[in-house]
PDB file of N, CA and C in Angstrom:
ATOM      1  N   MET A   1    -157.921-181.497  20.539  1.00  0.00           N
ATOM      2  CA  MET A   1    -157.160-181.397  19.313  1.00  0.00           C
ATOM      3  C   MET A   1    -156.712-179.965  19.067  1.00  0.00           C
ATOM      4  N   LEU A   2    -157.577-179.009  19.341  1.00  0.00           N
ATOM      5  CA  LEU A   2    -157.200-177.615  19.138  1.00  0.00           C
ATOM      6  C   LEU A   2    -156.025-177.233  20.026  1.00  0.00           C
ATOM      7  N   SER A   3    -155.935-177.867  21.192  1.00  0.00           N
ATOM      8  CA  SER A   3    -154.814-177.559  22.080  1.00  0.00           C
ATOM      9  C   SER A   3    -153.485-177.950  21.438  1.00  0.00           C
ATOM     10  N   SER A   4    -153.486-178.991  20.620  1.00  0.00           N
ATOM     11  CA  SER A   4    -152.255-179.397  19.937  1.00  0.00           C
ATOM     12  C   SER A   4    -151.788-178.306  18.985  1.00  0.00           C
ATOM     13  N   TYR A   5    -152.722-177.724  18.258  1.00  0.00           N
ATOM     14  CA  TYR A   5    -152.377-176.626  17.356  1.00  0.00           C
ATOM     15  C   TYR A   5    -151.904-175.410  18.152  1.00  0.00           C
ATOM     16  N   PHE A   6    -152.558-175.144  19.275  1.00  0.00           N
ATOM     17  CA  PHE A   6    -152.193-174.008  20.116  1.00  0.00           C
ATOM     18  C   PHE A   6    -150.789-174.184  20.684  1.00  0.00           C
ATOM     19  N   ILE A   7    -150.477-175.377  21.162  1.00  0.00           N
ATOM     20  CA  ILE A   7    -149.154-175.658  21.726  1.00  0.00           C
ATOM     21  C   ILE A   7    -148.068-175.437  20.684  1.00  0.00           C
ATOM     22  N   LEU A   8    -148.335-175.871  19.458  1.00  0.00           N
ATOM     23  CA  LEU A   8    -147.349-175.717  18.391  1.00  0.00           C
ATOM     24  C   LEU A   8    -147.414-174.346  17.724  1.00  0.00           C
ATOM     25  N   GLY A   9    -148.420-173.549  18.067  1.00  0.00           N
ATOM     26  CA  GLY A   9    -148.554-172.219  17.486  1.00  0.00           C
ATOM     27  C   GLY A   9    -148.928-172.252  16.020  1.00  0.00           C
ATOM     28  N   LEU A  10    -149.870-173.117  15.666  1.00  0.00           N
ATOM     29  CA  LEU A  10    -150.258-173.311  14.266  1.00  0.00           C
ATOM     30  C   LEU A  10    -151.738-173.033  14.051  1.00  0.00           C
ATOM     31  N   ASP A  11    -152.091-172.741  12.803  1.00  0.00           N
ATOM     32  CA  ASP A  11    -153.494-172.647  12.408  1.00  0.00           C
ATOM     33  C   ASP A  11    -154.013-174.054  12.134  1.00  0.00           C
ATOM     34  N   ILE A  12    -155.321-174.189  12.069  1.00  0.00           N
ATOM     35  CA  ILE A  12    -155.925-175.510  11.860  1.00  0.00           C
ATOM     36  C   ILE A  12    -155.702-176.035  10.450  1.00  0.00           C
ATOM     37  N   ASP A  13    -155.597-175.162   9.474  1.00  0.00           N
ATOM     38  CA  ASP A  13    -155.520-175.598   8.077  1.00  0.00           C
ATOM     39  C   ASP A  13    -154.093-175.745   7.546  1.00  0.00           C
ATOM     40  N   VAL A  14    -153.153-176.115   8.394  1.00  0.00           N
ATOM     41  CA  VAL A  14    -151.763-176.270   7.959  1.00  0.00           C
ATOM     42  C   VAL A  14    -151.535-177.650   7.350  1.00  0.00           C
ATOM     43  N   THR A  15    -150.458-177.766   6.590  1.00  0.00           N
ATOM     44  CA  THR A  15    -150.113-179.037   5.954  1.00  0.00           C
ATOM     45  C   THR A  15    -149.208-179.855   6.871  1.00  0.00           C
ATOM     46  N   ASP A  16    -149.025-181.130   6.507  1.00  0.00           N
ATOM     47  CA  ASP A  16    -148.129-182.000   7.266  1.00  0.00           C
ATOM     48  C   ASP A  16    -146.722-181.414   7.329  1.00  0.00           C
ATOM     49  N   GLU A  17    -146.267-180.875   6.216  1.00  0.00           N
ATOM     50  CA  GLU A  17    -144.915-180.321   6.157  1.00  0.00           C
ATOM     51  C   GLU A  17    -144.768-179.100   7.062  1.00  0.00           C
ATOM     52  N   GLU A  18    -145.782-178.249   7.115  1.00  0.00           N
ATOM     53  CA  GLU A  18    -145.731-177.076   7.990  1.00  0.00           C
ATOM     54  C   GLU A  18    -145.732-177.485   9.459  1.00  0.00           C
ATOM     55  N   ILE A  19    -146.491-178.522   9.782  1.00  0.00           N
ATOM     56  CA  ILE A  19    -146.517-179.032  11.153  1.00  0.00           C
ATOM     57  C   ILE A  19    -145.135-179.555  11.530  1.00  0.00           C
ATOM     58  N   ARG A  20    -144.538-180.332  10.651  1.00  0.00           N
ATOM     59  CA  ARG A  20    -143.210-180.898  10.915  1.00  0.00           C
ATOM     60  C   ARG A  20    -142.163-179.802  11.058  1.00  0.00           C
ATOM     61  N   LYS A  21    -142.211-178.797  10.202  1.00  0.00           N
ATOM     62  CA  LYS A  21    -141.250-177.696  10.247  1.00  0.00           C
ATOM     63  C   LYS A  21    -141.349-176.948  11.580  1.00  0.00           C
ATOM     64  N   ARG A  22    -142.575-176.656  12.008  1.00  0.00           N
ATOM     65  CA  ARG A  22    -142.772-175.946  13.281  1.00  0.00           C
ATOM     66  C   ARG A  22    -142.314-176.807  14.446  1.00  0.00           C
ATOM     67  N   TYR A  23    -142.591-178.097  14.394  1.00  0.00           N
ATOM     68  CA  TYR A  23    -142.156-179.016  15.449  1.00  0.00           C
ATOM     69  C   TYR A  23    -140.636-179.009  15.580  1.00  0.00           C
ATOM     70  N   LEU A  24    -139.937-179.089  14.459  1.00  0.00           N
ATOM     71  CA  LEU A  24    -138.474-179.086  14.494  1.00  0.00           C
ATOM     72  C   LEU A  24    -137.930-177.773  15.051  1.00  0.00           C
ATOM     73  N   GLU A  25    -138.580-176.656  14.721  1.00  0.00           N
ATOM     74  CA  GLU A  25    -138.164-175.366  15.272  1.00  0.00           C
ATOM     75  C   GLU A  25    -138.310-175.353  16.791  1.00  0.00           C
ATOM     76  N   LEU A  26    -139.438-175.862  17.268  1.00  0.00           N
ATOM     77  CA  LEU A  26    -139.708-175.827  18.703  1.00  0.00           C
ATOM     78  C   LEU A  26    -138.811-176.767  19.499  1.00  0.00           C
ATOM     79  N   ILE A  27    -138.514-177.954  18.953  1.00  0.00           N
ATOM     80  CA  ILE A  27    -137.665-178.860  19.736  1.00  0.00           C
ATOM     81  C   ILE A  27    -136.212-178.403  19.760  1.00  0.00           C
ATOM     82  N   LYS A  28    -135.826-177.579  18.794  1.00  0.00           N
ATOM     83  CA  LYS A  28    -134.493-176.975  18.872  1.00  0.00           C
ATOM     84  C   LYS A  28    -134.461-175.920  19.970  1.00  0.00           C
ATOM     85  N   GLN A  29    -135.576-175.230  20.137  1.00  0.00           N
ATOM     86  CA  GLN A  29    -135.663-174.179  21.145  1.00  0.00           C
ATOM     87  C   GLN A  29    -135.847-174.773  22.545  1.00  0.00           C
ATOM     88  N   TYR A  30    -136.704-175.768  22.666  1.00  0.00           N
ATOM     89  CA  TYR A  30    -136.990-176.396  23.959  1.00  0.00           C
ATOM     90  C   TYR A  30    -136.431-177.815  23.963  1.00  0.00           C
ATOM     91  N   THR A  31    -135.159-177.938  24.218  1.00  0.00           N
ATOM     92  CA  THR A  31    -134.520-179.256  24.230  1.00  0.00           C
ATOM     93  C   THR A  31    -134.874-179.987  25.521  1.00  0.00           C
ATOM     94  N   PRO A  32    -134.730-181.305  25.543  1.00  0.00           N
ATOM     95  CA  PRO A  32    -135.031-182.060  26.764  1.00  0.00           C
ATOM     96  C   PRO A  32    -134.144-181.646  27.945  1.00  0.00           C
ATOM     97  N   GLU A  33    -132.940-181.180  27.651  1.00  0.00           N
ATOM     98  CA  GLU A  33    -132.040-180.766  28.722  1.00  0.00           C
ATOM     99  C   GLU A  33    -132.470-179.427  29.326  1.00  0.00           C
ATOM    100  N   LYS A  34    -132.942-178.501  28.484  1.00  0.00           N
ATOM    101  CA  LYS A  34    -133.327-177.169  28.962  1.00  0.00           C
ATOM    102  C   LYS A  34    -134.691-177.179  29.655  1.00  0.00           C
ATOM    103  N   ASP A  35    -135.670-177.758  29.000  1.00  0.00           N
ATOM    104  CA  ASP A  35    -137.044-177.733  29.509  1.00  0.00           C
ATOM    105  C   ASP A  35    -137.747-179.047  29.156  1.00  0.00           C
ATOM    106  N   PRO A  36    -137.534-180.087  29.969  1.00  0.00           N
ATOM    107  CA  PRO A  36    -138.083-181.409  29.626  1.00  0.00           C
ATOM    108  C   PRO A  36    -139.616-181.445  29.567  1.00  0.00           C
ATOM    109  N   ASN A  37    -140.280-180.685  30.432  1.00  0.00           N
ATOM    110  CA  ASN A  37    -141.753-180.693  30.418  1.00  0.00           C
ATOM    111  C   ASN A  37    -142.300-180.083  29.135  1.00  0.00           C
ATOM    112  N   GLN A  38    -141.744-178.954  28.732  1.00  0.00           N
ATOM    113  CA  GLN A  38    -142.189-178.299  27.500  1.00  0.00           C
ATOM    114  C   GLN A  38    -141.872-179.179  26.285  1.00  0.00           C
ATOM    115  N   PHE A  39    -140.706-179.804  26.288  1.00  0.00           N
ATOM    116  CA  PHE A  39    -140.321-180.701  25.199  1.00  0.00           C
ATOM    117  C   PHE A  39    -141.324-181.850  25.078  1.00  0.00           C
ATOM    118  N   GLN A  40    -141.696-182.427  26.214  1.00  0.00           N
ATOM    119  CA  GLN A  40    -142.643-183.541  26.211  1.00  0.00           C
ATOM    120  C   GLN A  40    -144.021-183.087  25.717  1.00  0.00           C
ATOM    121  N   GLU A  41    -144.450-181.902  26.122  1.00  0.00           N
ATOM    122  CA  GLU A  41    -145.741-181.376  25.689  1.00  0.00           C
ATOM    123  C   GLU A  41    -145.754-181.114  24.183  1.00  0.00           C
ATOM    124  N   ILE A  42    -144.664-180.562  23.669  1.00  0.00           N
ATOM    125  CA  ILE A  42    -144.550-180.285  22.232  1.00  0.00           C
ATOM    126  C   ILE A  42    -144.561-181.585  21.440  1.00  0.00           C
ATOM    127  N   THR A  43    -143.800-182.566  21.909  1.00  0.00           N
ATOM    128  CA  THR A  43    -143.726-183.855  21.223  1.00  0.00           C
ATOM    129  C   THR A  43    -145.083-184.560  21.233  1.00  0.00           C
ATOM    130  N   SER A  44    -145.771-184.504  22.355  1.00  0.00           N
ATOM    131  CA  SER A  44    -147.088-185.125  22.455  1.00  0.00           C
ATOM    132  C   SER A  44    -148.084-184.459  21.502  1.00  0.00           C
ATOM    133  N   ALA A  45    -148.058-183.135  21.439  1.00  0.00           N
ATOM    134  CA  ALA A  45    -148.947-182.400  20.524  1.00  0.00           C
ATOM    135  C   ALA A  45    -148.627-182.753  19.078  1.00  0.00           C
ATOM    136  N   TYR A  46    -147.353-182.845  18.758  1.00  0.00           N
ATOM    137  CA  TYR A  46    -146.944-183.195  17.394  1.00  0.00           C
ATOM    138  C   TYR A  46    -147.421-184.595  17.022  1.00  0.00           C
ATOM    139  N   GLU A  47    -147.289-185.536  17.926  1.00  0.00           N
ATOM    140  CA  GLU A  47    -147.711-186.913  17.653  1.00  0.00           C
ATOM    141  C   GLU A  47    -149.208-186.988  17.364  1.00  0.00           C
ATOM    142  N   ARG A  48    -149.992-186.128  18.021  1.00  0.00           N
ATOM    143  CA  ARG A  48    -151.445-186.159  17.824  1.00  0.00           C
ATOM    144  C   ARG A  48    -151.874-185.613  16.475  1.00  0.00           C
ATOM    145  N   ILE A  49    -151.067-184.724  15.859  1.00  0.00           N
ATOM    146  CA  ILE A  49    -151.515-184.085  14.613  1.00  0.00           C
ATOM    147  C   ILE A  49    -150.504-184.175  13.476  1.00  0.00           C
ATOM    148  N   LYS A  50    -149.508-185.030  13.583  1.00  0.00           N
ATOM    149  CA  LYS A  50    -148.414-185.019  12.603  1.00  0.00           C
ATOM    150  C   LYS A  50    -148.817-185.461  11.199  1.00  0.00           C
ATOM    151  N   THR A  51    -149.821-186.308  11.066  1.00  0.00           N
ATOM    152  CA  THR A  51    -150.266-186.739   9.737  1.00  0.00           C
ATOM    153  C   THR A  51    -151.773-186.558   9.627  1.00  0.00           C
ATOM    154  N   LEU A  52    -152.253-186.579   8.415  1.00  0.00           N
ATOM    155  CA  LEU A  52    -153.696-186.456   8.196  1.00  0.00           C
ATOM    156  C   LEU A  52    -154.437-187.589   8.891  1.00  0.00           C
ATOM    157  N   ARG A  53    -153.886-188.771   8.829  1.00  0.00           N
ATOM    158  CA  ARG A  53    -154.507-189.931   9.482  1.00  0.00           C
ATOM    159  C   ARG A  53    -154.602-189.719  10.998  1.00  0.00           C
ATOM    160  N   ALA A  54    -153.516-189.195  11.585  1.00  0.00           N
ATOM    161  CA  ALA A  54    -153.511-188.934  13.026  1.00  0.00           C
ATOM    162  C   ALA A  54    -154.529-187.854  13.389  1.00  0.00           C
ATOM    163  N   ARG A  55    -154.656-186.826  12.552  1.00  0.00           N
ATOM    164  CA  ARG A  55    -155.619-185.755  12.820  1.00  0.00           C
ATOM    165  C   ARG A  55    -157.051-186.280  12.744  1.00  0.00           C
ATOM    166  N   ILE A  56    -157.327-187.129  11.768  1.00  0.00           N
ATOM    167  CA  ILE A  56    -158.670-187.702  11.645  1.00  0.00           C
ATOM    168  C   ILE A  56    -158.976-188.593  12.848  1.00  0.00           C
ATOM    169  N   ARG A  57    -158.018-189.422  13.235  1.00  0.00           N
ATOM    170  CA  ARG A  57    -158.215-190.289  14.400  1.00  0.00           C
ATOM    171  C   ARG A  57    -158.466-189.448  15.646  1.00  0.00           C
ATOM    172  N   GLU A  58    -157.723-188.365  15.806  1.00  0.00           N
ATOM    173  CA  GLU A  58    -157.896-187.476  16.954  1.00  0.00           C
ATOM    174  C   GLU A  58    -159.281-186.832  16.935  1.00  0.00           C
ATOM    175  N   LYS A  59    -159.746-186.429  15.761  1.00  0.00           N
ATOM    176  CA  LYS A  59    -161.084-185.834  15.661  1.00  0.00           C
ATOM    177  C   LYS A  59    -162.172-186.853  15.989  1.00  0.00           C
ATOM    178  N   LEU A  60    -162.008-188.070  15.501  1.00  0.00           N
ATOM    179  CA  LEU A  60    -163.031-189.094  15.709  1.00  0.00           C
ATOM    180  C   LEU A  60    -163.050-189.644  17.127  1.00  0.00           C
ATOM    181  N   PHE A  61    -161.887-189.937  17.660  1.00  0.00           N
ATOM    182  CA  PHE A  61    -161.823-190.666  18.919  1.00  0.00           C
ATOM    183  C   PHE A  61    -161.307-189.855  20.091  1.00  0.00           C
ATOM    184  N   GLY A  62    -160.719-188.696  19.845  1.00  0.00           N
ATOM    185  CA  GLY A  62    -160.267-187.828  20.925  1.00  0.00           C
ATOM    186  C   GLY A  62    -159.335-188.519  21.894  1.00  0.00           C
ATOM    187  N   THR A  63    -159.804-188.676  23.131  1.00  0.00           N
ATOM    188  CA  THR A  63    -158.943-189.204  24.189  1.00  0.00           C
ATOM    189  C   THR A  63    -159.007-190.719  24.347  1.00  0.00           C
ATOM    190  N   LEU A  64    -159.699-191.409  23.478  1.00  0.00           N
ATOM    191  CA  LEU A  64    -159.731-192.870  23.564  1.00  0.00           C
ATOM    192  C   LEU A  64    -158.345-193.437  23.294  1.00  0.00           C
ATOM    193  N   SER A  65    -158.048-194.543  23.917  1.00  0.00           N
ATOM    194  CA  SER A  65    -156.752-195.175  23.673  1.00  0.00           C
ATOM    195  C   SER A  65    -156.761-195.870  22.315  1.00  0.00           C
ATOM    196  N   VAL A  66    -155.596-196.294  21.880  1.00  0.00           N
ATOM    197  CA  VAL A  66    -155.472-196.948  20.578  1.00  0.00           C
ATOM    198  C   VAL A  66    -156.298-198.225  20.534  1.00  0.00           C
ATOM    199  N   SER A  67    -156.262-199.002  21.591  1.00  0.00           N
ATOM    200  CA  SER A  67    -157.024-200.252  21.590  1.00  0.00           C
ATOM    201  C   SER A  67    -158.526-199.973  21.542  1.00  0.00           C
ATOM    202  N   ASP A  68    -158.976-198.903  22.227  1.00  0.00           N
ATOM    203  CA  ASP A  68    -160.390-198.533  22.160  1.00  0.00           C
ATOM    204  C   ASP A  68    -160.772-198.144  20.741  1.00  0.00           C
ATOM    205  N   ALA A  69    -159.919-197.354  20.104  1.00  0.00           N
ATOM    206  CA  ALA A  69    -160.189-196.901  18.738  1.00  0.00           C
ATOM    207  C   ALA A  69    -160.238-198.087  17.781  1.00  0.00           C
ATOM    208  N   GLU A  70    -159.301-199.015  17.936  1.00  0.00           N
ATOM    209  CA  GLU A  70    -159.286-200.195  17.078  1.00  0.00           C
ATOM    210  C   GLU A  70    -160.544-201.032  17.290  1.00  0.00           C
ATOM    211  N   GLU A  71    -160.971-201.145  18.533  1.00  0.00           N
ATOM    212  CA  GLU A  71    -162.178-201.915  18.834  1.00  0.00           C
ATOM    213  C   GLU A  71    -163.411-201.272  18.192  1.00  0.00           C
ATOM    214  N   VAL A  72    -163.493-199.952  18.256  1.00  0.00           N
ATOM    215  CA  VAL A  72    -164.615-199.242  17.634  1.00  0.00           C
ATOM    216  C   VAL A  72    -164.606-199.448  16.123  1.00  0.00           C
ATOM    217  N   LEU A  73    -163.431-199.332  15.506  1.00  0.00           N
ATOM    218  CA  LEU A  73    -163.338-199.525  14.060  1.00  0.00           C
ATOM    219  C   LEU A  73    -163.727-200.940  13.657  1.00  0.00           C
ATOM    220  N   LEU A  74    -163.289-201.925  14.432  1.00  0.00           N
ATOM    221  CA  LEU A  74    -163.653-203.309  14.131  1.00  0.00           C
ATOM    222  C   LEU A  74    -165.158-203.529  14.267  1.00  0.00           C
ATOM    223  N   SER A  75    -165.756-202.941  15.292  1.00  0.00           N
ATOM    224  CA  SER A  75    -167.203-203.111  15.461  1.00  0.00           C
ATOM    225  C   SER A  75    -167.966-202.426  14.334  1.00  0.00           C
ATOM    226  N   LEU A  76    -167.456-201.297  13.849  1.00  0.00           N
ATOM    227  CA  LEU A  76    -168.090-200.647  12.702  1.00  0.00           C
ATOM    228  C   LEU A  76    -167.976-201.519  11.457  1.00  0.00           C
ATOM    229  N   GLY A  77    -166.854-202.195  11.318  1.00  0.00           N
ATOM    230  CA  GLY A  77    -166.656-203.081  10.174  1.00  0.00           C
ATOM    231  C   GLY A  77    -167.564-204.292  10.213  1.00  0.00           C
ATOM    232  N   ARG A  78    -167.936-204.709  11.423  1.00  0.00           N
ATOM    233  CA  ARG A  78    -168.807-205.871  11.573  1.00  0.00           C
ATOM    234  C   ARG A  78    -170.283-205.496  11.614  1.00  0.00           C
ATOM    235  N   ALA A  79    -170.591-204.233  11.450  1.00  0.00           N
ATOM    236  CA  ALA A  79    -171.983-203.778  11.524  1.00  0.00           C
ATOM    237  C   ALA A  79    -172.830-204.489  10.479  1.00  0.00           C
ATOM    238  N   ARG A  80    -174.072-204.677  10.807  1.00  0.00           N
ATOM    239  CA  ARG A  80    -174.981-205.363   9.881  1.00  0.00           C
ATOM    240  C   ARG A  80    -175.175-204.547   8.628  1.00  0.00           C
ATOM    241  N   THR A  81    -175.178-205.233   7.531  1.00  0.00           N
ATOM    242  CA  THR A  81    -175.471-204.549   6.272  1.00  0.00           C
ATOM    243  C   THR A  81    -176.983-204.470   6.124  1.00  0.00           C
ATOM    244  N   PRO A  82    -177.489-203.362   5.626  1.00  0.00           N
ATOM    245  CA  PRO A  82    -178.939-203.242   5.490  1.00  0.00           C
ATOM    246  C   PRO A  82    -179.476-204.248   4.477  1.00  0.00           C
ATOM    247  N   VAL A  83    -180.617-204.798   4.783  1.00  0.00           N
ATOM    248  CA  VAL A  83    -181.267-205.768   3.910  1.00  0.00           C
ATOM    249  C   VAL A  83    -182.324-205.023   3.107  1.00  0.00           C
ATOM    250  N   ARG A  84    -182.276-205.195   1.824  1.00  0.00           N
ATOM    251  CA  ARG A  84    -183.257-204.534   0.970  1.00  0.00           C
ATOM    252  C   ARG A  84    -184.600-205.232   1.133  1.00  0.00           C
ATOM    253  N   ARG A  85    -185.612-204.451   1.368  1.00  0.00           N
ATOM    254  CA  ARG A  85    -186.932-205.004   1.617  1.00  0.00           C
ATOM    255  C   ARG A  85    -187.926-204.329   0.692  1.00  0.00           C
ATOM    256  N   ARG A  86    -188.799-205.106   0.145  1.00  0.00           N
ATOM    257  CA  ARG A  86    -189.831-204.559  -0.737  1.00  0.00           C
ATOM    258  C   ARG A  86    -191.013-204.086   0.103  1.00  0.00           C
ATOM    259  N   ALA A  87    -191.545-202.938  -0.281  1.00  0.00           N
ATOM    260  CA  ALA A  87    -192.708-202.404   0.424  1.00  0.00           C
ATOM    261  C   ALA A  87    -193.946-203.203   0.045  1.00  0.00           C
ATOM    262  N   GLY A  88    -194.771-203.485   1.042  1.00  0.00           N
ATOM    263  CA  GLY A  88    -196.019-204.192   0.785  1.00  0.00           C
ATOM    264  C   GLY A  88    -197.100-203.231   0.310  1.00  0.00           C
ATOM    265  N   LEU A  89    -198.200-203.786  -0.148  1.00  0.00           N
ATOM    266  CA  LEU A  89    -199.312-202.990  -0.659  1.00  0.00           C
ATOM    267  C   LEU A  89    -199.869-202.068   0.422  1.00  0.00           C
ATOM    268  N   LYS A  90    -199.970-202.564   1.649  1.00  0.00           N
ATOM    269  CA  LYS A  90    -200.498-201.767   2.753  1.00  0.00           C
ATOM    270  C   LYS A  90    -199.612-200.546   3.002  1.00  0.00           C
ATOM    271  N   GLU A  91    -198.300-200.729   3.001  1.00  0.00           N
ATOM    272  CA  GLU A  91    -197.377-199.615   3.221  1.00  0.00           C
ATOM    273  C   GLU A  91    -197.486-198.586   2.108  1.00  0.00           C
ATOM    274  N   LEU A  92    -197.630-199.047   0.883  1.00  0.00           N
ATOM    275  CA  LEU A  92    -197.754-198.123  -0.244  1.00  0.00           C
ATOM    276  C   LEU A  92    -199.040-197.307  -0.160  1.00  0.00           C
ATOM    277  N   LEU A  93    -200.137-197.954   0.240  1.00  0.00           N
ATOM    278  CA  LEU A  93    -201.414-197.255   0.344  1.00  0.00           C
ATOM    279  C   LEU A  93    -201.440-196.293   1.529  1.00  0.00           C
ATOM    280  N   ASP A  94    -200.767-196.641   2.620  1.00  0.00           N
ATOM    281  CA  ASP A  94    -200.713-195.765   3.797  1.00  0.00           C
ATOM    282  C   ASP A  94    -199.947-194.486   3.502  1.00  0.00           C
ATOM    283  N   GLU A  95    -198.925-194.555   2.657  1.00  0.00           N
ATOM    284  CA  GLU A  95    -198.130-193.380   2.324  1.00  0.00           C
ATOM    285  C   GLU A  95    -198.899-192.408   1.440  1.00  0.00           C
ATOM    286  N   ALA A  96    -199.819-192.909   0.646  1.00  0.00           N
ATOM    287  CA  ALA A  96    -200.548-192.058  -0.309  1.00  0.00           C
ATOM    288  C   ALA A  96    -201.602-191.223   0.340  1.00  0.00           C
TER     289      ALA A  96
END
């Protein structure tokens, strides 16, 4: 994720608007006709951090694919809910 900020020449604490502004500056400078590899790298970095949601997903899942990330989120949603259990007399006396 830090490489995305480095590629775009940004600090970590920038806003969505600042990211978009820098991206537009860079794609004007590195057009697909002039430097297709650099353009692709800039676009890829922008896609990874363009919104707060994208930045959070990148922090949580890193290089996992979208389907992997969705599968992880679904499994977290299906996680067992904790069952409230009352402590027995033996447990209470052992703690004291």
